């Protein structure tokens, strides 16, 4: 159940749920998100065509499994990196230890529009 404060008006922005790199993202126009790394220069546009659902003031449209003719356009802001994670291997009673770190590269994008609704 949605609870809204009496001071703020209740309205819904248009949003879309799309798939990229095996993950689902819920986005609205103007949002900035990190997607899997791509060799795309800064300022170029990316188009995500695997849209599962679109919602807004008119209601929710669900795909079976995807919506035909609907796409999400995003502009590339640049490269970014995740937090460092540490991978540790340890073998008991053998004096064998190893610790390595990894930072996953990402591409930062801004959602420009949801087209074809």
Protein backbone atom coordinates (compact mmCIF):
# COMPACT_ATOMS: atom_id res chain seq x y z
CA UNK A 1 0.00 0.00 0.00
CA UNK A 2 1.33 3.41 -0.92
CA UNK A 3 1.36 6.11 1.74
CA UNK A 4 1.95 9.68 0.67
CA UNK A 5 2.39 12.72 2.84
CA UNK A 6 -0.35 15.36 2.55
CA UNK A 7 2.17 18.03 1.47
CA UNK A 8 3.41 16.19 -1.64
CA UNK A 9 1.10 15.63 -4.61
CA UNK A 10 0.72 12.01 -5.73
CA UNK A 11 1.77 11.56 -9.35
CA UNK A 12 3.73 8.91 -11.18
CA UNK A 13 6.51 9.52 -13.66
CA UNK A 14 6.96 7.32 -16.68
CA UNK A 15 9.33 4.44 -16.01
CA UNK A 16 10.62 1.40 -17.85
CA UNK A 17 12.15 -1.91 -16.87
CA UNK A 18 14.76 -3.20 -19.30
CA UNK A 19 17.37 -5.97 -19.41
CA UNK A 20 21.07 -5.41 -20.03
CA UNK A 21 23.89 -7.79 -19.24
CA UNK A 22 21.63 -10.27 -17.43
CA UNK A 23 20.34 -7.63 -15.00
CA UNK A 24 17.07 -5.73 -14.92
CA UNK A 25 17.02 -1.97 -14.42
CA UNK A 26 14.03 0.20 -13.45
CA UNK A 27 14.69 3.65 -14.90
CA UNK A 28 13.01 7.01 -15.34
CA UNK A 29 14.09 9.81 -17.71
CA UNK A 30 16.93 11.80 -16.16
CA UNK A 31 18.28 8.96 -14.01
CA UNK A 32 21.98 8.10 -14.02
CA UNK A 33 22.90 4.41 -13.78
CA UNK A 34 25.93 2.17 -14.25
CA UNK A 35 25.69 -0.56 -16.91
CA UNK A 36 28.25 -3.10 -18.10
CA UNK A 37 31.39 -1.59 -19.61
CA UNK A 38 31.30 -0.66 -23.29
CA UNK A 39 33.91 0.93 -25.52
CA UNK A 40 31.50 3.78 -26.35
CA UNK A 41 32.89 7.33 -26.39
CA UNK A 42 31.50 9.95 -24.03
CA UNK A 43 28.52 11.82 -25.49
CA UNK A 44 27.33 8.95 -27.72
CA UNK A 45 23.87 7.42 -27.34
CA UNK A 46 23.05 3.85 -26.34
CA UNK A 47 19.74 2.18 -27.13
CA UNK A 48 18.32 -0.63 -25.00
CA UNK A 49 15.66 -2.58 -26.90
CA UNK A 50 14.84 -5.41 -24.48
CA UNK A 51 12.11 -3.60 -22.52
CA UNK A 52 10.03 -5.81 -20.22
CA UNK A 53 7.53 -3.26 -18.89
CA UNK A 54 6.55 0.41 -19.13
CA UNK A 55 4.53 2.22 -16.50
CA UNK A 56 3.22 5.70 -15.89
CA UNK A 57 0.01 7.69 -15.56
CA UNK A 58 -1.80 5.47 -18.10
CA UNK A 59 -1.00 2.31 -16.15
CA UNK A 60 1.38 -0.58 -16.59
CA UNK A 61 2.13 -2.31 -19.91
CA UNK A 62 3.75 -5.71 -19.55
CA UNK A 63 5.53 -7.53 -22.34
CA UNK A 64 5.24 -11.23 -23.13
CA UNK A 65 8.21 -11.44 -22.58
CA UNK A 66 9.22 -8.08 -24.13
CA UNK A 67 7.40 -5.07 -25.54
CA UNK A 68 7.70 -4.67 -29.32
CA UNK A 69 8.77 -1.28 -30.66
CA UNK A 70 9.66 0.17 -27.25
CA UNK A 71 13.22 1.26 -26.48
CA UNK A 72 15.15 3.19 -23.86
CA UNK A 73 17.71 5.74 -25.08
CA UNK A 74 20.62 6.79 -22.88
CA UNK A 75 23.62 9.08 -23.35
CA UNK A 76 27.08 7.97 -22.19
CA UNK A 77 28.55 10.13 -19.41
CA UNK A 78 31.84 8.25 -19.09
CA UNK A 79 33.54 5.35 -17.39
CA UNK A 80 33.22 4.45 -13.73
CA UNK A 81 34.53 1.79 -11.37
CA UNK A 82 32.79 -0.29 -8.69
CA UNK A 83 34.05 -0.58 -5.15
CA UNK A 84 37.03 -2.87 -4.70
CA UNK A 85 36.24 -6.40 -3.64
CA UNK A 86 38.78 -8.77 -2.13
CA UNK A 87 39.05 -12.44 -3.05
CA UNK A 88 40.79 -14.58 -0.45
CA UNK A 89 41.87 -18.18 -0.80
CA UNK A 90 43.06 -20.15 2.20
CA UNK A 91 44.11 -23.75 2.61
CA UNK A 92 44.22 -24.89 6.20
CA UNK A 93 47.41 -26.32 7.72
CA UNK A 94 49.41 -25.69 4.51
CA UNK A 95 50.66 -22.10 4.98
CA UNK A 96 48.89 -21.27 1.74
CA UNK A 97 47.08 -17.91 1.55
CA UNK A 98 46.28 -15.60 -1.33
CA UNK A 99 44.47 -12.27 -1.40
CA UNK A 100 43.68 -10.39 -4.60
CA UNK A 101 41.50 -7.38 -5.32
CA UNK A 102 39.19 -6.56 -8.22
CA UNK A 103 37.37 -3.42 -9.39
CA UNK A 104 34.71 -3.92 -12.04
CA UNK A 105 34.68 -1.28 -14.81
CA UNK A 106 31.27 0.18 -15.74
CA UNK A 107 29.83 2.72 -18.14
CA UNK A 108 27.84 5.58 -16.54
CA UNK A 109 24.77 6.59 -18.59
CA UNK A 110 21.91 9.09 -18.25
CA UNK A 111 18.47 7.95 -19.37
CA UNK A 112 17.19 10.42 -21.99
CA UNK A 113 13.84 9.01 -23.17
CA UNK A 114 11.52 6.04 -23.29
CA UNK A 115 10.36 5.80 -26.91
CA UNK A 116 7.57 3.87 -28.60
CA UNK A 117 5.02 3.86 -25.79
